[in-house]
């Protein structure tokens, strides 16, 4: 009888394919990250079909003396607040000095009435497209009393304007009286004005104006208009640094806050008139132990956000008419959550207000019908890296469906197109020295930013010259896979091959690196050009002419690997991206000995 032999089963080749990509995941251990995400990607972003590609770079447009504290726009005019100066910046880089007494601190702005209104904490300014003026010099002069008899009285009409000491009284002349009593005493020494009748004397203590001849009897109609000034120790609107437009269904008024002497107060402007802040139009919001940090508009509600403190961090402002038909803006406390850590990180992404808190980026969610608001974190996957930054210095903006958060040379980008349970996918960039942002109003425009060393820069479009350089310096981008045990923690693997599918750009390439517990080495360099006379490098010419992925085959075999990680990177001044990834391997039979 012949002997029987039993051969071990052949070890089968296994294949892992990644065809769907998302963002970064810094929260989970690299061995626990989903294959669609990266634990260490840098300078990548999702393209229009959600595949990771290298971000475009930026180019310098102008340079000024001093920190760029703010960038602002009125129609096609871009204004740059650098140091203590304000400049108009032309698209070709030419600059015009507009104003030389700016506060050396961050500035904000808003648009109303075809003008740009700026707050820097020192002087409230307005730009009309030609010149910059102090708002206090062109402020609305209220008519505080109307229809008064010469002896005084009349009907109160408009509240005093916090921006100017000037006010107007109207009187009904009786044809006899020469002396007219203003509605204020102890008025300023500024010249009292009356257009129609000659003033003989003004008693600034009693507020009595004496005319040379008695104004005629106008039959009960107001025919005497007196303009005078009375300085009162009011709150200084010039010290405000925060603004938000609101008016119910329409943005009819501006609310301002940020006065360091009144941290929990805000003030509302007149109807469509930011040069008028009635002295009666203020609101104390919560405790003065925590400051108002900014505003966000959601549906027909204005959300007032405060810093971390003992009281609520969110208040909801709505619009209604009171019993006399006058507009009112009642407040109620919103959901309890983390407060704002930087006032310059509040913006609205796809209908959801975002802001930076000490616990990360928060989103405010609500329903129009119930006006219920819930605050929830949206940056869990990037928090381990983000929360190590100097959060108080962060700035943010929304542009092209993305929320850009910049701090200390890094930029964290949330993509509203890629959402999972209301949490966006995040991407991480380096070498972004932004200290303020300005987003063009349309996606065909550009995203601008200012820097601490006085530069104004704009991000490139993909078809711009030197699109993949940061002001001439090539961008280093990488996509790193999870450090995976390939579903067999206790067994060694033999890595047979890998095949990253690269984006079919006209001019591109990549370095491919392997990492196991024993090695970390570059295993292949790929450089290729599609057949195009527009962009050609014959040293890397491949005779490829179809716009399909470029399969970068790597035949480097690695034995006894218990964990495996792949990095695909590109450090050149060229586009780069991934369409897919395949790893072929064998799981060995032996169990790892510890």
Protein backbone atom coordinates (compact mmCIF):
# COMPACT_ATOMS: atom_id res chain seq x y z
CA UNK A 1 0.00 0.00 0.00
CA UNK A 2 1.48 3.31 -1.02
CA UNK A 3 2.00 6.07 1.51
CA UNK A 4 -0.43 9.04 1.47
CA UNK A 5 0.89 12.60 1.48
CA UNK A 6 -1.16 15.70 2.48
CA UNK A 7 -0.01 19.03 1.07
CA UNK A 8 -0.89 22.29 2.87
CA UNK A 9 -3.48 24.51 1.25
CA UNK A 10 -1.98 27.14 -0.97
CA UNK A 11 -1.90 30.60 0.55
CA UNK A 12 -4.28 32.68 -1.54
CA UNK A 13 -3.55 36.11 -2.87
CA UNK A 14 -5.83 38.77 -1.39
CA UNK A 15 -6.59 42.16 -2.78
CA UNK A 16 -7.66 45.39 -1.12
CA UNK A 17 -9.10 48.10 -3.35
CA UNK A 18 -9.92 51.69 -2.38
CA UNK A 19 -12.16 53.51 -4.82
CA UNK A 20 -13.86 56.00 -2.53
CA UNK A 21 -12.00 58.69 -0.64
CA UNK A 22 -12.97 61.13 2.08
CA UNK A 23 -10.94 63.51 4.28
CA UNK A 24 -8.44 63.24 7.11
CA UNK A 25 -8.88 61.50 10.45
CA UNK A 26 -6.50 62.67 13.17
CA UNK A 27 -8.74 61.44 16.00
CA UNK A 28 -8.38 57.68 15.61
CA UNK A 29 -5.18 55.70 15.88
CA UNK A 30 -3.65 55.19 12.41
CA UNK A 31 -4.48 51.47 12.67
CA UNK A 32 -8.18 52.26 13.25
CA UNK A 33 -8.74 54.83 10.49
CA UNK A 34 -11.16 53.88 7.73
CA UNK A 35 -9.46 53.17 4.39
CA UNK A 36 -11.36 56.01 2.74
CA UNK A 37 -9.66 58.51 5.04
CA UNK A 38 -6.07 59.41 5.79
CA UNK A 39 -4.38 59.72 9.19
CA UNK A 40 -1.68 61.98 7.71
CA UNK A 41 -2.73 63.67 4.46
CA UNK A 42 -1.48 67.18 3.79
CA UNK A 43 -2.26 69.84 1.20
CA UNK A 44 -4.99 67.75 -0.42
CA UNK A 45 -8.62 68.63 -1.17
CA UNK A 46 -11.57 66.87 -2.80
CA UNK A 47 -12.10 67.74 -6.44
CA UNK A 48 -15.51 68.06 -8.10
CA UNK A 49 -15.90 64.26 -8.11
CA UNK A 50 -14.66 63.88 -4.51
CA UNK A 51 -11.24 62.39 -5.27
CA UNK A 52 -8.24 63.76 -3.33
CA UNK A 53 -6.09 66.14 -5.34
CA UNK A 54 -3.35 68.59 -4.50
CA UNK A 55 -4.63 72.02 -3.50
CA UNK A 56 -3.77 74.98 -5.66
CA UNK A 57 -1.24 77.46 -4.38
CA UNK A 58 -1.37 81.21 -3.98
CA UNK A 59 0.36 84.24 -5.39
CA UNK A 60 1.28 87.58 -3.84
CA UNK A 61 -0.66 90.54 -5.19
CA UNK A 62 0.70 93.36 -3.01
CA UNK A 63 2.79 94.02 0.06
CA UNK A 64 2.33 96.69 2.74
CA UNK A 65 4.08 97.85 5.89
CA UNK A 66 2.56 96.20 8.93
CA UNK A 67 0.22 93.32 9.67
CA UNK A 68 -2.77 92.95 7.37
CA UNK A 69 -5.58 93.33 9.89
CA UNK A 70 -8.45 93.15 7.42
CA UNK A 71 -9.47 92.83 3.78
CA UNK A 72 -12.76 94.36 2.67
CA UNK A 73 -14.68 94.72 -0.57
CA UNK A 74 -17.06 97.23 -2.16
CA UNK A 75 -18.08 96.10 -5.64
CA UNK A 76 -14.76 95.65 -7.46
CA UNK A 77 -12.73 97.65 -4.94
CA UNK A 78 -10.64 95.72 -2.41
CA UNK A 79 -9.59 97.65 0.68
CA UNK A 80 -6.60 96.53 2.72
CA UNK A 81 -6.16 97.51 6.36
CA UNK A 82 -2.42 97.15 6.99
CA UNK A 83 -0.76 98.57 10.09
CA UNK A 84 -2.44 101.92 10.75
CA UNK A 85 -3.29 102.57 7.08
CA UNK A 86 -6.15 101.74 4.74
CA UNK A 87 -5.44 101.19 1.05
CA UNK A 88 -7.42 100.57 -2.10
CA UNK A 89 -5.95 97.61 -3.98
CA UNK A 90 -6.40 97.31 -7.74
CA UNK A 91 -6.47 93.89 -9.48
CA UNK A 92 -3.13 94.70 -11.13
CA UNK A 93 -1.50 95.31 -7.74
CA UNK A 94 -1.58 99.11 -7.79
CA UNK A 95 -2.42 100.72 -4.46
CA UNK A 96 -3.95 104.02 -3.34
CA UNK A 97 -3.71 105.31 0.22
CA UNK A 98 -7.16 106.17 1.59
CA UNK A 99 -6.74 106.70 5.35
CA UNK A 100 -3.85 106.87 7.83
CA UNK A 101 -5.27 106.59 11.34
CA UNK A 102 -6.52 103.02 11.55
CA UNK A 103 -6.42 101.03 14.76
CA UNK A 104 -3.68 98.40 14.75
CA UNK A 105 -6.12 95.58 15.42
CA UNK A 106 -8.41 93.40 13.36
CA UNK A 107 -11.17 95.17 11.46
CA UNK A 108 -14.58 94.06 10.23
CA UNK A 109 -17.01 95.54 7.73
CA UNK A 110 -20.47 95.31 6.22
CA UNK A 111 -22.31 96.66 3.18
CA UNK A 112 -25.41 98.84 3.29
CA UNK A 113 -26.78 101.57 1.07
CA UNK A 114 -24.12 101.02 -1.57
CA UNK A 115 -21.32 101.85 0.88
CA UNK A 116 -18.77 99.93 2.90
CA UNK A 117 -18.82 100.51 6.65
CA UNK A 118 -15.73 99.58 8.68
CA UNK A 119 -15.18 98.94 12.39
CA UNK A 120 -11.66 98.74 13.81
CA UNK A 121 -12.27 99.51 17.50
CA UNK A 122 -10.97 103.05 17.16
CA UNK A 123 -12.88 104.92 14.44
CA UNK A 124 -16.07 103.94 12.66
CA UNK A 125 -15.48 104.65 8.95
CA UNK A 126 -17.45 104.65 5.72
CA UNK A 127 -16.18 104.23 2.15
CA UNK A 128 -18.36 105.34 -0.77
CA UNK A 129 -16.15 104.13 -3.59
CA UNK A 130 -14.06 107.30 -3.71
CA UNK A 131 -13.20 108.51 -0.22
CA UNK A 132 -13.10 107.30 3.37
CA UNK A 133 -14.80 109.41 6.03
CA UNK A 134 -15.39 109.19 9.73
CA UNK A 135 -19.03 108.27 10.22
CA UNK A 136 -19.31 110.76 13.07
CA UNK A 137 -18.62 113.53 10.51
CA UNK A 138 -21.49 112.49 8.25
CA UNK A 139 -23.81 110.98 10.84
CA UNK A 140 -27.56 111.37 10.66
CA UNK A 141 -28.81 114.34 12.72
CA UNK A 142 -32.05 113.34 14.49
CA UNK A 143 -35.03 115.62 14.97
CA UNK A 144 -35.53 115.04 18.66
CA UNK A 145 -38.56 117.31 19.15
CA UNK A 146 -41.20 118.54 16.70
CA UNK A 147 -44.07 121.06 16.78
CA UNK A 148 -42.86 122.80 19.90
CA UNK A 149 -44.26 126.24 20.93
CA UNK A 150 -41.64 128.90 21.58
CA UNK A 151 -41.82 128.20 25.33
CA UNK A 152 -40.75 124.59 24.80
CA UNK A 153 -42.51 121.25 24.94
CA UNK A 154 -43.62 119.72 21.68
CA UNK A 155 -43.55 116.03 20.75
CA UNK A 156 -40.54 113.75 21.00
CA UNK A 157 -39.74 112.18 17.65
CA UNK A 158 -36.28 110.65 17.21
CA UNK A 159 -33.78 109.49 19.80
CA UNK A 160 -30.37 111.12 20.17
CA UNK A 161 -27.71 109.70 17.84
CA UNK A 162 -24.77 108.18 19.72
CA UNK A 163 -22.50 109.12 16.83
CA UNK A 164 -23.02 112.88 16.92
CA UNK A 165 -23.89 115.62 19.43
CA UNK A 166 -26.00 117.39 16.79
CA UNK A 167 -29.81 117.38 16.96
CA UNK A 168 -32.75 119.33 15.53
CA UNK A 169 -35.82 120.92 17.13
CA UNK A 170 -38.77 122.28 15.15
CA UNK A 171 -41.05 125.04 16.49
CA UNK A 172 -44.38 126.65 15.63
CA UNK A 173 -43.87 130.42 15.46
CA UNK A 174 -46.60 132.67 16.90
CA UNK A 175 -45.48 135.96 15.29
CA UNK A 176 -44.74 137.47 18.70
CA UNK A 177 -42.09 135.39 20.48
CA UNK A 178 -38.41 135.94 19.84
CA UNK A 179 -37.15 133.45 22.44
CA UNK A 180 -37.37 129.73 21.73
CA UNK A 181 -36.61 127.09 24.34
CA UNK A 182 -34.68 124.06 23.06
CA UNK A 183 -35.34 120.60 24.49
CA UNK A 184 -31.88 120.59 26.12
CA UNK A 185 -29.93 122.83 28.45
CA UNK A 186 -26.17 123.14 28.85
CA UNK A 187 -25.73 122.89 25.09
CA UNK A 188 -22.38 123.05 23.30
CA UNK A 189 -20.69 126.26 22.21
CA UNK A 190 -20.96 125.08 18.60
CA UNK A 191 -22.78 127.63 16.43
CA UNK A 192 -26.53 127.16 16.64
CA UNK A 193 -28.09 127.19 13.16
CA UNK A 194 -31.43 128.30 11.76
CA UNK A 195 -31.78 128.57 8.00
CA UNK A 196 -34.73 130.96 7.76
CA UNK A 197 -34.34 133.44 10.60
CA UNK A 198 -31.42 135.42 11.99
CA UNK A 199 -30.27 134.40 15.48
CA UNK A 200 -29.38 137.26 17.80
CA UNK A 201 -28.25 135.39 20.92
CA UNK A 202 -27.87 131.86 22.31
CA UNK A 203 -27.86 131.09 26.04
CA UNK A 204 -25.94 127.79 26.17
CA UNK A 205 -26.80 127.28 29.85
CA UNK A 206 -30.58 127.57 29.59
CA UNK A 207 -30.85 126.45 25.96
CA UNK A 208 -32.79 129.55 24.91
CA UNK A 209 -32.33 130.85 21.35
CA UNK A 210 -33.25 134.52 20.76
CA UNK A 211 -34.03 135.72 17.23
CA UNK A 212 -33.47 139.29 16.01
CA UNK A 213 -37.13 139.49 14.96
CA UNK A 214 -39.99 137.22 15.88
CA UNK A 215 -40.63 134.44 13.34
CA UNK A 216 -44.11 134.82 11.80
CA UNK A 217 -47.21 132.92 12.78
CA UNK A 218 -47.43 129.91 10.46
CA UNK A 219 -50.97 128.93 11.39
CA UNK A 220 -49.99 126.01 13.60
CA UNK A 221 -47.33 124.64 11.25
CA UNK A 222 -43.74 124.22 12.25
CA UNK A 223 -41.77 126.98 10.57
CA UNK A 224 -38.70 127.32 12.80
CA UNK A 225 -35.99 124.65 12.53
CA UNK A 226 -33.05 124.96 14.91
CA UNK A 227 -29.94 122.78 14.72
CA UNK A 228 -27.68 122.62 17.77
CA UNK A 229 -25.20 120.35 19.53
CA UNK A 230 -25.20 118.87 23.00
CA UNK A 231 -22.40 116.54 23.98
CA UNK A 232 -23.39 113.79 26.38
CA UNK A 233 -21.21 111.11 27.94
CA UNK A 234 -22.58 108.32 25.76
CA UNK A 235 -21.24 104.92 24.80
CA UNK A 236 -18.64 105.30 22.05
CA UNK A 237 -19.77 103.36 18.97
CA UNK A 238 -16.31 103.93 17.51
CA UNK A 239 -14.92 101.35 19.96
CA UNK A 240 -17.13 98.56 18.61
CA UNK A 241 -15.40 95.86 16.56
CA UNK A 242 -18.16 93.35 15.74
CA UNK A 243 -21.14 93.72 13.42
CA UNK A 244 -24.08 91.73 12.13
CA UNK A 245 -26.90 92.65 9.74
CA UNK A 246 -30.44 91.77 10.77
CA UNK A 247 -34.01 92.98 10.50
CA UNK A 248 -36.21 89.92 10.49
CA UNK A 249 -36.87 88.78 6.93
CA UNK A 250 -34.50 91.45 5.57
CA UNK A 251 -31.19 92.92 6.66
CA UNK A 252 -32.55 96.36 7.47
CA UNK A 253 -30.29 97.27 10.39
CA UNK A 254 -26.81 96.62 11.65
CA UNK A 255 -26.10 95.49 15.19
CA UNK A 256 -22.66 96.32 16.59
CA UNK A 257 -20.82 95.09 19.67
CA UNK A 258 -17.29 94.53 20.90
CA UNK A 259 -16.89 97.74 22.93
CA UNK A 260 -14.45 96.56 25.65
CA UNK A 261 -16.09 98.85 28.21
CA UNK A 262 -19.47 97.17 27.64
CA UNK A 263 -18.63 93.60 26.58
CA UNK A 264 -22.16 92.20 26.87
CA UNK A 265 -24.01 95.06 25.10
CA UNK A 266 -24.92 95.66 21.51
CA UNK A 267 -26.52 98.57 19.69
CA UNK A 268 -28.87 98.68 16.72
CA UNK A 269 -28.76 101.21 13.91
CA UNK A 270 -31.59 103.13 12.31
CA UNK A 271 -33.59 101.63 9.47
CA UNK A 272 -31.20 101.22 6.52
CA UNK A 273 -28.99 103.89 8.12
CA UNK A 274 -25.73 102.76 9.74
CA UNK A 275 -24.90 106.41 10.50
CA UNK A 276 -27.67 106.52 13.11
CA UNK A 277 -27.45 104.66 16.44
CA UNK A 278 -30.28 105.78 18.74
CA UNK A 279 -29.26 106.09 22.37
CA UNK A 280 -32.32 103.98 23.22
CA UNK A 281 -31.39 101.10 20.90
CA UNK A 282 -29.11 99.04 23.10
CA UNK A 283 -29.46 95.58 24.64
CA UNK A 284 -27.61 93.93 27.50
CA UNK A 285 -27.17 90.29 26.62
CA UNK A 286 -26.44 87.97 29.52
CA UNK A 287 -23.79 88.66 32.11
CA UNK A 288 -20.97 91.14 31.59
CA UNK A 289 -18.61 88.36 32.70
CA UNK A 290 -18.61 87.07 29.10
CA UNK A 291 -18.32 89.21 25.99
CA UNK A 292 -20.36 89.14 22.81
CA UNK A 293 -18.13 87.58 20.16
CA UNK A 294 -20.23 87.81 17.03
CA UNK A 295 -23.40 87.16 15.09
CA UNK A 296 -24.72 84.52 12.73
CA UNK A 297 -27.85 84.69 10.60
CA UNK A 298 -30.01 81.56 10.31
CA UNK A 299 -33.44 81.68 8.68
CA UNK A 300 -35.18 84.78 10.12
CA UNK A 301 -33.25 84.62 13.40
CA UNK A 302 -30.07 86.35 14.43
CA UNK A 303 -27.88 84.24 16.71
CA UNK A 304 -25.79 86.21 19.18
CA UNK A 305 -22.71 84.26 20.25
CA UNK A 306 -20.68 84.89 23.39
CA UNK A 307 -17.37 83.70 24.74
CA UNK A 308 -17.02 81.00 27.38
CA UNK A 309 -18.26 82.17 30.75
CA UNK A 310 -20.78 81.49 33.47
CA UNK A 311 -23.89 82.43 31.49
CA UNK A 312 -25.38 81.15 28.23
CA UNK A 313 -23.21 81.19 25.10
CA UNK A 314 -26.01 81.60 22.56
CA UNK A 315 -29.01 83.94 22.35
CA UNK A 316 -31.69 84.07 19.68
CA UNK A 317 -32.90 87.43 18.41
CA UNK A 318 -36.17 87.66 16.51
CA UNK A 319 -38.18 90.49 14.96
CA UNK A 320 -41.69 91.63 15.81
CA UNK A 321 -43.78 94.80 16.01
CA UNK A 322 -44.75 96.11 19.44
CA UNK A 323 -48.18 97.40 20.44
CA UNK A 324 -47.44 100.77 18.85
CA UNK A 325 -46.32 99.26 15.56
CA UNK A 326 -42.64 99.92 16.27
CA UNK A 327 -39.99 97.29 15.50
CA UNK A 328 -38.76 95.23 18.45
CA UNK A 329 -36.04 92.61 18.69
CA UNK A 330 -36.75 90.29 21.62
CA UNK A 331 -34.06 87.90 22.84
CA UNK A 332 -34.24 84.51 24.42
CA UNK A 333 -31.58 82.18 25.64
CA UNK A 334 -30.48 79.46 23.25
CA UNK A 335 -28.97 76.03 23.70
CA UNK A 336 -26.14 75.62 26.19
CA UNK A 337 -22.83 74.80 24.56
CA UNK A 338 -19.22 75.88 24.27
CA UNK A 339 -18.62 79.59 23.64
CA UNK A 340 -16.65 81.32 20.90
CA UNK A 341 -12.87 81.48 21.29
CA UNK A 342 -12.18 83.71 18.25
CA UNK A 343 -14.64 86.31 16.97
CA UNK A 344 -13.23 86.01 13.47
CA UNK A 345 -14.20 82.37 12.93
CA UNK A 346 -17.99 82.81 12.69
CA UNK A 347 -19.52 82.11 9.29
CA UNK A 348 -22.36 80.16 7.71
CA UNK A 349 -21.63 77.00 5.70
CA UNK A 350 -24.52 75.71 3.60
CA UNK A 351 -27.09 77.21 5.98
CA UNK A 352 -25.34 76.09 9.18
CA UNK A 353 -23.48 78.67 11.31
CA UNK A 354 -19.98 77.52 12.28
CA UNK A 355 -17.64 78.96 14.91
CA UNK A 356 -14.49 77.95 16.76
CA UNK A 357 -14.79 77.10 20.44
CA UNK A 358 -12.22 75.83 22.96
CA UNK A 359 -13.61 72.35 22.18
CA UNK A 360 -13.28 72.65 18.40
CA UNK A 361 -15.49 73.87 15.57
CA UNK A 362 -19.18 73.94 16.45
CA UNK A 363 -22.23 73.94 14.17
CA UNK A 364 -25.61 75.45 15.03
CA UNK A 365 -28.50 73.36 13.73
CA UNK A 366 -32.16 74.29 13.80
CA UNK A 367 -35.56 74.07 12.21
CA UNK A 368 -37.43 77.07 10.86
CA UNK A 369 -40.79 75.98 12.26
CA UNK A 370 -39.87 75.51 15.91
CA UNK A 371 -36.85 77.84 15.96
CA UNK A 372 -35.13 75.20 18.05
CA UNK A 373 -31.35 75.36 17.94
CA UNK A 374 -28.82 72.67 18.79
CA UNK A 375 -25.08 73.22 18.98
CA UNK A 376 -22.88 70.25 18.15
CA UNK A 377 -19.23 69.68 17.40
CA UNK A 378 -18.29 69.17 13.74
CA UNK A 379 -14.49 68.88 13.95
CA UNK A 380 -14.01 65.67 15.91
CA UNK A 381 -11.73 64.13 13.29
CA UNK A 382 -9.25 67.04 13.35
CA UNK A 383 -9.46 68.11 17.00
CA UNK A 384 -6.29 66.33 18.20
CA UNK A 385 -4.26 68.58 15.89
CA UNK A 386 -6.52 71.65 15.86
CA UNK A 387 -6.78 71.99 19.64
CA UNK A 388 -2.99 72.29 19.94
CA UNK A 389 -3.09 75.54 17.96
CA UNK A 390 -3.33 79.09 19.33
CA UNK A 391 -7.09 79.16 18.88
CA UNK A 392 -7.51 82.82 19.88
CA UNK A 393 -5.56 83.80 16.75
CA UNK A 394 -7.71 81.77 14.34
CA UNK A 395 -9.61 83.31 11.42
CA UNK A 396 -12.12 81.70 9.10
CA UNK A 397 -14.37 82.28 6.12
CA UNK A 398 -16.75 80.39 3.85
CA UNK A 399 -16.08 80.24 0.13
CA UNK A 400 -17.08 77.86 -2.64
CA UNK A 401 -18.99 75.58 -0.26
CA UNK A 402 -16.10 75.18 2.14
CA UNK A 403 -15.22 76.54 5.59
CA UNK A 404 -11.58 77.64 5.76
CA UNK A 405 -10.07 77.90 9.25
CA UNK A 406 -6.52 79.27 9.40
CA UNK A 407 -4.22 79.49 12.41
CA UNK A 408 -0.44 79.62 12.81
CA UNK A 409 0.35 78.76 9.18
CA UNK A 410 -2.09 75.83 9.04
CA UNK A 411 -5.49 75.68 7.38
CA UNK A 412 -8.31 73.26 8.17
CA UNK A 413 -10.91 72.98 5.40
CA UNK A 414 -14.43 71.58 5.87
CA UNK A 415 -16.25 70.47 2.69
CA UNK A 416 -20.02 70.87 2.84
CA UNK A 417 -20.45 68.51 -0.14
CA UNK A 418 -19.17 65.58 1.92
CA UNK A 419 -21.33 65.24 5.00
CA UNK A 420 -21.88 62.31 7.33
CA UNK A 421 -24.31 62.79 10.22
CA UNK A 422 -24.00 66.56 9.84
CA UNK A 423 -20.21 66.33 10.13
CA UNK A 424 -18.22 67.45 7.08
CA UNK A 425 -15.07 65.88 5.78
CA UNK A 426 -11.98 67.86 6.73
CA UNK A 427 -8.70 68.47 4.94
CA UNK A 428 -5.45 69.79 6.35
CA UNK A 429 -3.09 72.27 4.66
CA UNK A 430 0.29 73.68 5.62
CA UNK A 431 2.22 76.81 4.63
CA UNK A 432 -0.90 79.02 4.68
CA UNK A 433 0.14 82.20 6.57
CA UNK A 434 -3.35 83.75 6.60
CA UNK A 435 -4.33 86.16 9.40
CA UNK A 436 -7.49 87.39 7.64
CA UNK A 437 -9.60 86.26 4.69
CA UNK A 438 -11.67 87.86 1.94
CA UNK A 439 -13.87 85.66 -0.24
CA UNK A 440 -15.01 86.83 -3.65
CA UNK A 441 -18.81 86.71 -3.85
CA UNK A 442 -18.87 84.15 -6.67
CA UNK A 443 -17.08 80.88 -7.27
CA UNK A 444 -15.42 82.23 -10.41
CA UNK A 445 -13.62 84.71 -8.20
CA UNK A 446 -10.78 84.15 -5.78
CA UNK A 447 -10.14 83.55 -2.12
CA UNK A 448 -7.86 86.27 -0.74
CA UNK A 449 -5.91 86.45 2.49
CA UNK A 450 -3.57 88.81 4.32
CA UNK A 451 -0.44 87.87 6.24
CA UNK A 452 1.40 89.03 9.33
CA UNK A 453 4.29 90.37 7.23
CA UNK A 454 2.06 92.67 5.16
CA UNK A 455 1.38 90.55 2.08
CA UNK A 456 -1.96 90.26 0.32
CA UNK A 457 -2.30 86.96 -1.56
CA UNK A 458 -4.93 85.12 -3.57
CA UNK A 459 -5.38 81.40 -4.13
CA UNK A 460 -4.88 80.27 -7.72
CA UNK A 461 -7.36 78.58 -9.99
CA UNK A 462 -6.24 75.29 -11.52
CA UNK A 463 -5.70 76.91 -14.93
CA UNK A 464 -3.63 79.84 -13.65
CA UNK A 465 0.09 80.08 -14.34
CA UNK A 466 2.10 78.45 -11.55
CA UNK A 467 -1.18 77.19 -10.11
CA UNK A 468 0.57 74.62 -7.91
CA UNK A 469 3.10 76.85 -6.23
CA UNK A 470 2.86 79.04 -3.16
CA UNK A 471 4.20 82.28 -4.59
CA UNK A 472 6.70 80.36 -6.68
CA UNK A 473 7.48 77.60 -4.15
CA UNK A 474 6.33 74.10 -5.07
CA UNK A 475 3.66 72.56 -2.84
CA UNK A 476 4.42 69.31 -1.02
CA UNK A 477 1.29 67.16 -0.91
CA UNK A 478 0.74 63.61 0.31
CA UNK A 479 -1.94 61.01 0.83
CA UNK A 480 -1.14 58.39 3.49
CA UNK A 481 -3.20 55.26 4.03
CA UNK A 482 -4.03 53.82 7.46
CA UNK A 483 -1.33 51.69 9.10
CA UNK A 484 -3.24 48.47 8.57
CA UNK A 485 -2.92 44.89 9.79
CA UNK A 486 -4.94 43.92 6.70
CA UNK A 487 -7.51 42.12 8.89
CA UNK A 488 -4.94 39.75 10.36
CA UNK A 489 -3.27 41.20 13.45
CA UNK A 490 -1.60 37.96 14.49
CA UNK A 491 -0.22 36.89 11.11
CA UNK A 492 2.53 38.15 8.89
CA UNK A 493 1.81 39.31 5.39
CA UNK A 494 3.77 39.33 2.21
CA UNK A 495 3.05 42.48 0.24
CA UNK A 496 3.17 41.47 -3.40
CA UNK A 497 2.39 44.73 -5.17
CA UNK A 498 0.59 48.06 -4.97
CA UNK A 499 -1.03 50.12 -7.66
CA UNK A 500 -2.00 53.71 -6.90
CA UNK A 501 -4.16 55.03 -9.74
CA UNK A 502 -2.96 58.58 -10.34
CA UNK A 503 -5.02 61.39 -11.80
CA UNK A 504 -4.38 61.70 -15.59
CA UNK A 505 -3.03 65.24 -15.57
CA UNK A 506 -1.04 66.54 -18.48
CA UNK A 507 2.04 66.76 -16.30
CA UNK A 508 2.26 64.91 -13.01
CA UNK A 509 4.00 62.25 -10.98
CA UNK A 510 4.46 60.83 -7.52
CA UNK A 511 6.78 59.20 -5.05
CA UNK A 512 5.48 55.97 -3.52
CA UNK A 513 6.64 54.93 -0.06
CA UNK A 514 6.18 51.74 1.96
CA UNK A 515 6.11 51.55 5.73
CA UNK A 516 6.05 48.48 7.96
CA UNK A 517 7.30 47.88 11.49
CA UNK A 518 10.76 47.19 9.98
CA UNK A 519 11.11 49.64 7.10
CA UNK A 520 10.13 53.03 5.77
CA UNK A 521 11.44 53.53 2.25
CA UNK A 522 10.68 54.98 -1.15
CA UNK A 523 9.85 52.15 -3.52
CA UNK A 524 9.13 53.97 -6.77
CA UNK A 525 9.15 57.37 -8.42
CA UNK A 526 6.63 57.98 -11.18
CA UNK A 527 6.73 60.89 -13.63
CA UNK A 528 4.56 61.15 -16.71
CA UNK A 529 3.10 63.51 -19.28
CA UNK A 530 -0.01 63.07 -21.36
CA UNK A 531 0.45 63.69 -25.08
CA UNK A 532 -0.03 67.45 -25.20
CA UNK A 533 2.00 70.18 -26.83
CA UNK A 534 0.72 72.70 -24.28
CA UNK A 535 2.74 71.19 -21.47
CA UNK A 536 5.46 68.78 -22.50
CA UNK A 537 8.54 67.35 -20.83
CA UNK A 538 10.16 64.78 -23.11
CA UNK A 539 12.22 63.40 -20.21
CA UNK A 540 9.00 61.95 -18.78
CA UNK A 541 7.12 61.44 -22.05
CA UNK A 542 4.96 58.29 -21.93
CA UNK A 543 3.05 58.30 -25.26
CA UNK A 544 -0.16 58.28 -23.20
CA UNK A 545 -2.95 60.32 -24.77
CA UNK A 546 -6.14 59.13 -23.09
CA UNK A 547 -7.59 60.84 -20.02
CA UNK A 548 -7.63 57.68 -17.92
CA UNK A 549 -5.91 57.03 -14.61
CA UNK A 550 -2.19 56.39 -14.61
CA UNK A 551 -1.53 53.02 -12.89
CA UNK A 552 1.68 53.36 -10.91
CA UNK A 553 2.58 49.69 -10.49
CA UNK A 554 4.93 48.87 -7.63
CA UNK A 555 6.33 45.31 -7.68
CA UNK A 556 8.45 45.69 -4.58
CA UNK A 557 7.80 42.61 -2.41
CA UNK A 558 7.83 42.93 1.38
CA UNK A 559 7.93 39.81 3.56
CA UNK A 560 6.89 39.31 7.18
CA UNK A 561 4.98 42.58 7.43
CA UNK A 562 2.46 42.62 10.25
CA UNK A 563 1.31 46.17 9.55
CA UNK A 564 1.51 48.03 6.28
CA UNK A 565 1.11 51.67 5.22
CA UNK A 566 1.38 53.34 1.84
CA UNK A 567 2.22 56.97 1.17
CA UNK A 568 1.81 58.63 -2.23
CA UNK A 569 3.32 62.12 -2.38
CA UNK A 570 4.17 64.85 -4.83
CA UNK A 571 6.55 67.73 -4.06
CA UNK A 572 6.64 69.33 -7.50
CA UNK A 573 5.05 72.43 -9.02
CA UNK A 574 2.43 70.30 -10.76
CA UNK A 575 -1.03 68.82 -10.15
CA UNK A 576 -1.41 65.48 -8.41
CA UNK A 577 -4.29 63.31 -7.30
CA UNK A 578 -5.58 59.81 -6.66
CA UNK A 579 -8.41 57.95 -8.39
CA UNK A 580 -7.95 54.64 -6.61
CA UNK A 581 -5.60 52.30 -4.86
CA UNK A 582 -5.02 48.51 -4.93
CA UNK A 583 -2.85 46.41 -2.61
CA UNK A 584 -2.17 42.72 -3.30
CA UNK A 585 -0.87 40.55 -0.47
CA UNK A 586 -0.72 37.08 1.05
CA UNK A 587 -1.55 36.30 4.68
CA UNK A 588 0.89 33.74 6.05
CA UNK A 589 -0.28 30.77 8.08
CA UNK A 590 2.01 31.14 11.04
CA UNK A 591 0.84 33.00 14.14
CA UNK A 592 3.02 35.87 15.31
CA UNK A 593 5.03 35.05 18.41
CA UNK A 594 4.97 37.76 21.08
